[in-house]
Amino acid sequence: MNALNFAALKEGEELEALVKDPITKVQLVKYAGASGDFNPIHTDDETAKTVGLGGVIAHGMLSMGFLGEYAAALAGPDGWVEELSVRFGSMVRPGDVLTCKGTVKELTQSGGRGHVRLSVWCETQKGEQPTKGEAVLSLPA
């Protein structure tokens, strides 16, 4: 994935997508360890079924982490992520393939840097958008 070039961006522009590998139960167990969120709805099918989820669901913060990875890749080595905020709208399950996408909402400059406000979201292979939000990147102007 190539870092964004501030001078070449246009408001409304769709950005290159980042496709993640399918979510696995092993990944969810590892994420539980890394995040400290050991709620069994993320790792145990029987518990998830008992509470009406129909099976294990991914941690919401996992998809937020993917959007953070996406924003950082767009910012590149000479830029950074100033802000990232998300809302969770639906569940992600093992086997789902998440694609991180974004569009340019606003371009501004200050302090010799370019600031890019993006709409960002994760999209499943079914076209659902379980995680949506905004990111602001600081790029070389």
C-alpha atoms as a PDB file:
ATOM      1  CA  MET A   1       0.000   0.000   0.000  1.00  0.00           C
ATOM      2  CA  ASN A   2       1.388   3.394  -0.981  1.00  0.00           C
ATOM      3  CA  ALA A   3       1.452   6.379   1.364  1.00  0.00           C
ATOM      4  CA  LEU A   4      -0.768   9.283   0.367  1.00  0.00           C
ATOM      5  CA  ASN A   5       0.638  12.308  -1.462  1.00  0.00           C
ATOM      6  CA  PHE A   6      -1.121  15.351  -0.005  1.00  0.00           C
ATOM      7  CA  ALA A   7      -0.653  17.486  -3.127  1.00  0.00           C
ATOM      8  CA  ALA A   8      -2.354  14.864  -5.310  1.00  0.00           C
ATOM      9  CA  LEU A   9      -5.434  14.274  -3.111  1.00  0.00           C
ATOM     10  CA  LYS A  10      -8.943  15.486  -3.890  1.00  0.00           C
ATOM     11  CA  GLU A  11     -11.968  15.711  -1.618  1.00  0.00           C
ATOM     12  CA  GLY A  12     -14.336  12.825  -2.316  1.00  0.00           C
ATOM     13  CA  GLU A  13     -11.526  10.606  -3.606  1.00  0.00           C
ATOM     14  CA  GLU A  14     -11.783   6.890  -2.853  1.00  0.00           C
ATOM     15  CA  LEU A  15      -8.547   5.469  -1.479  1.00  0.00           C
ATOM     16  CA  GLU A  16      -6.753   2.182  -2.023  1.00  0.00           C
ATOM     17  CA  ALA A  17      -8.266  -0.580   0.128  1.00  0.00           C
ATOM     18  CA  LEU A  18      -6.525  -2.911   2.584  1.00  0.00           C
ATOM     19  CA  VAL A  19      -7.848  -6.492   2.558  1.00  0.00           C
ATOM     20  CA  LYS A  20      -7.230  -8.486   5.729  1.00  0.00           C
ATOM     21  CA  ASP A  21      -7.003 -12.274   5.952  1.00  0.00           C
ATOM     22  CA  PRO A  22     -10.124 -14.114   7.153  1.00  0.00           C
ATOM     23  CA  ILE A  23     -10.733 -13.809  10.906  1.00  0.00           C
ATOM     24  CA  THR A  24      -9.750 -17.013  12.748  1.00  0.00           C
ATOM     25  CA  LYS A  25     -10.500 -18.312  16.226  1.00  0.00           C
ATOM     26  CA  VAL A  26      -6.750 -18.505  16.874  1.00  0.00           C
ATOM     27  CA  GLN A  27      -6.494 -14.800  16.011  1.00  0.00           C
ATOM     28  CA  LEU A  28      -9.295 -14.034  18.494  1.00  0.00           C
ATOM     29  CA  VAL A  29      -7.528 -15.975  21.272  1.00  0.00           C
ATOM     30  CA  LYS A  30      -4.292 -14.097  20.542  1.00  0.00           C
ATOM     31  CA  TYR A  31      -6.153 -10.780  20.498  1.00  0.00           C
ATOM     32  CA  ALA A  32      -7.784 -11.626  23.834  1.00  0.00           C
ATOM     33  CA  GLY A  33      -4.306 -12.116  25.294  1.00  0.00           C
ATOM     34  CA  ALA A  34      -2.938  -8.935  23.771  1.00  0.00           C
ATOM     35  CA  SER A  35      -5.912  -6.783  24.771  1.00  0.00           C
ATOM     36  CA  GLY A  36      -6.744  -8.370  28.125  1.00  0.00           C
ATOM     37  CA  ASP A  37     -10.360  -8.883  26.976  1.00  0.00           C
ATOM     38  CA  PHE A  38     -10.996 -12.507  27.888  1.00  0.00           C
ATOM     39  CA  ASN A  39     -14.783 -12.349  27.575  1.00  0.00           C
ATOM     40  CA  PRO A  40     -15.628 -15.897  26.427  1.00  0.00           C
ATOM     41  CA  ILE A  41     -18.070 -14.629  23.752  1.00  0.00           C
ATOM     42  CA  HIS A  42     -14.920 -13.994  21.713  1.00  0.00           C
ATOM     43  CA  THR A  43     -13.367 -17.437  22.141  1.00  0.00           C
ATOM     44  CA  ASP A  44     -15.986 -20.025  23.187  1.00  0.00           C
ATOM     45  CA  ASP A  45     -18.878 -20.970  20.878  1.00  0.00           C
ATOM     46  CA  GLU A  46     -21.019 -22.478  23.650  1.00  0.00           C
ATOM     47  CA  THR A  47     -20.827 -19.344  25.794  1.00  0.00           C
ATOM     48  CA  ALA A  48     -21.580 -17.141  22.796  1.00  0.00           C
ATOM     49  CA  LYS A  49     -24.578 -19.327  21.897  1.00  0.00           C
ATOM     50  CA  THR A  50     -25.829 -19.280  25.506  1.00  0.00           C
ATOM     51  CA  VAL A  51     -26.073 -15.473  25.412  1.00  0.00           C
ATOM     52  CA  GLY A  52     -27.840 -15.488  22.035  1.00  0.00           C
ATOM     53  CA  LEU A  53     -24.995 -14.616  19.689  1.00  0.00           C
ATOM     54  CA  GLY A  54     -25.153 -17.844  17.679  1.00  0.00           C
ATOM     55  CA  GLY A  55     -21.400 -18.342  18.022  1.00  0.00           C
ATOM     56  CA  VAL A  56     -18.151 -16.529  18.653  1.00  0.00           C
ATOM     57  CA  ILE A  57     -17.855 -12.873  17.629  1.00  0.00           C
ATOM     58  CA  ALA A  58     -14.674 -10.866  17.118  1.00  0.00           C
ATOM     59  CA  HIS A  59     -13.660  -8.117  19.508  1.00  0.00           C
ATOM     60  CA  GLY A  60     -14.876  -4.764  18.179  1.00  0.00           C
ATOM     61  CA  MET A  61     -11.490  -3.281  18.947  1.00  0.00           C
ATOM     62  CA  LEU A  62      -9.883  -5.771  16.550  1.00  0.00           C
ATOM     63  CA  SER A  63     -11.606  -4.124  13.593  1.00  0.00           C
ATOM     64  CA  MET A  64     -10.708  -0.710  15.030  1.00  0.00           C
ATOM     65  CA  GLY A  65      -7.093  -1.894  15.133  1.00  0.00           C
ATOM     66  CA  PHE A  66      -7.342  -2.844  11.467  1.00  0.00           C
ATOM     67  CA  LEU A  67      -8.560   0.687  10.676  1.00  0.00           C
ATOM     68  CA  GLY A  68      -5.628   2.063  12.672  1.00  0.00           C
ATOM     69  CA  GLU A  69      -3.259  -0.092  10.627  1.00  0.00           C
ATOM     70  CA  TYR A  70      -4.944   1.178   7.451  1.00  0.00           C
ATOM     71  CA  ALA A  71      -4.699   4.838   8.488  1.00  0.00           C
ATOM     72  CA  ALA A  72      -1.028   4.436   9.466  1.00  0.00           C
ATOM     73  CA  ALA A  73      -0.234   2.818   6.103  1.00  0.00           C
ATOM     74  CA  LEU A  74      -1.950   5.696   4.284  1.00  0.00           C
ATOM     75  CA  ALA A  75       0.026   8.215   6.341  1.00  0.00           C
ATOM     76  CA  GLY A  76       3.285   6.472   5.473  1.00  0.00           C
ATOM     77  CA  PRO A  77       6.689   6.847   7.106  1.00  0.00           C
ATOM     78  CA  ASP A  78       6.684  10.669   6.947  1.00  0.00           C
ATOM     79  CA  GLY A  79       3.146  11.113   8.241  1.00  0.00           C
ATOM     80  CA  TRP A  80       1.110  10.102  11.254  1.00  0.00           C
ATOM     81  CA  VAL A  81      -2.417   9.466  12.465  1.00  0.00           C
ATOM     82  CA  GLU A  82      -3.675  12.462  14.454  1.00  0.00           C
ATOM     83  CA  GLU A  83      -7.114  11.056  15.268  1.00  0.00           C
ATOM     84  CA  LEU A  84      -9.104   7.860  14.856  1.00  0.00           C
ATOM     85  CA  SER A  85     -12.662   7.364  16.051  1.00  0.00           C
ATOM     86  CA  VAL A  86     -15.087   4.567  15.222  1.00  0.00           C
ATOM     87  CA  ARG A  87     -18.584   3.251  15.850  1.00  0.00           C
ATOM     88  CA  PHE A  88     -19.459  -0.430  15.952  1.00  0.00           C
ATOM     89  CA  GLY A  89     -22.598  -1.354  14.039  1.00  0.00           C
ATOM     90  CA  SER A  90     -22.633  -5.121  13.589  1.00  0.00           C
ATOM     91  CA  MET A  91     -20.760  -8.262  14.526  1.00  0.00           C
ATOM     92  CA  VAL A  92     -17.690  -9.768  12.876  1.00  0.00           C
ATOM     93  CA  ARG A  93     -17.371 -13.543  12.980  1.00  0.00           C
ATOM     94  CA  PRO A  94     -14.626 -16.079  12.306  1.00  0.00           C
ATOM     95  CA  GLY A  95     -14.299 -16.538   8.552  1.00  0.00           C
ATOM     96  CA  ASP A  96     -15.238 -12.940   7.763  1.00  0.00           C
ATOM     97  CA  VAL A  97     -12.856 -11.094   5.458  1.00  0.00           C
ATOM     98  CA  LEU A  98     -12.611  -7.420   6.352  1.00  0.00           C
ATOM     99  CA  THR A  99     -11.611  -4.841   3.781  1.00  0.00           C
ATOM    100  CA  CYS A 100     -10.571  -1.453   5.132  1.00  0.00           C
ATOM    101  CA  LYS A 101     -11.704   1.407   2.918  1.00  0.00           C
ATOM    102  CA  GLY A 102     -11.646   5.172   2.985  1.00  0.00           C
ATOM    103  CA  THR A 103     -12.567   8.380   1.221  1.00  0.00           C
ATOM    104  CA  VAL A 104     -11.153  11.878   1.559  1.00  0.00           C
ATOM    105  CA  LYS A 105     -13.587  14.203   3.361  1.00  0.00           C
ATOM    106  CA  GLU A 106     -11.515  17.339   3.864  1.00  0.00           C
ATOM    107  CA  LEU A 107      -8.064  18.726   3.085  1.00  0.00           C
ATOM    108  CA  THR A 108      -6.461  21.530   5.105  1.00  0.00           C
ATOM    109  CA  GLN A 109      -2.958  22.864   5.733  1.00  0.00           C
ATOM    110  CA  SER A 110      -1.295  24.347   8.809  1.00  0.00           C
ATOM    111  CA  GLY A 111       2.203  24.478  10.210  1.00  0.00           C
ATOM    112  CA  GLY A 112       3.704  23.308   6.924  1.00  0.00           C
ATOM    113  CA  ARG A 113       1.738  20.030   7.081  1.00  0.00           C
ATOM    114  CA  GLY A 114      -1.249  18.729   5.179  1.00  0.00           C
ATOM    115  CA  HIS A 115      -4.171  17.427   7.226  1.00  0.00           C
ATOM    116  CA  VAL A 116      -6.502  14.875   5.661  1.00  0.00           C
ATOM    117  CA  ARG A 117      -9.855  14.025   7.243  1.00  0.00           C
ATOM    118  CA  LEU A 118     -11.042  10.625   6.048  1.00  0.00           C
ATOM    119  CA  SER A 119     -14.182   8.567   6.317  1.00  0.00           C
ATOM    120  CA  VAL A 120     -12.963   5.043   7.079  1.00  0.00           C
ATOM    121  CA  TRP A 121     -14.756   1.736   7.457  1.00  0.00           C
ATOM    122  CA  CYS A 122     -14.372  -2.017   7.436  1.00  0.00           C
ATOM    123  CA  GLU A 123     -16.522  -3.906   4.978  1.00  0.00           C
ATOM    124  CA  THR A 124     -17.246  -7.641   5.131  1.00  0.00           C
ATOM    125  CA  GLN A 125     -17.364  -9.956   2.141  1.00  0.00           C
ATOM    126  CA  LYS A 126     -21.173  -9.586   2.404  1.00  0.00           C
ATOM    127  CA  GLY A 127     -20.976  -5.799   1.988  1.00  0.00           C
ATOM    128  CA  GLU A 128     -21.816  -5.067   5.640  1.00  0.00           C
ATOM    129  CA  GLN A 129     -19.944  -2.273   7.423  1.00  0.00           C
ATOM    130  CA  PRO A 130     -19.475  -3.404  11.034  1.00  0.00           C
ATOM    131  CA  THR A 131     -17.023  -0.627  11.901  1.00  0.00           C
ATOM    132  CA  LYS A 132     -17.189   2.956  10.595  1.00  0.00           C
ATOM    133  CA  GLY A 133     -15.461   6.134  11.610  1.00  0.00           C
ATOM    134  CA  GLU A 134     -13.113   8.987  10.841  1.00  0.00           C
ATOM    135  CA  ALA A 135      -9.377   9.431  10.782  1.00  0.00           C
ATOM    136  CA  VAL A 136      -7.239  12.545  10.501  1.00  0.00           C
ATOM    137  CA  LEU A 137      -3.774  12.166   9.017  1.00  0.00           C
ATOM    138  CA  SER A 138      -0.874  14.606   9.101  1.00  0.00           C
ATOM    139  CA  LEU A 139       1.177  14.459   5.887  1.00  0.00           C
ATOM    140  CA  PRO A 140       4.077  16.384   4.426  1.00  0.00           C
ATOM    141  CA  ALA A 141       2.622  19.280   2.460  1.00  0.00           C
END
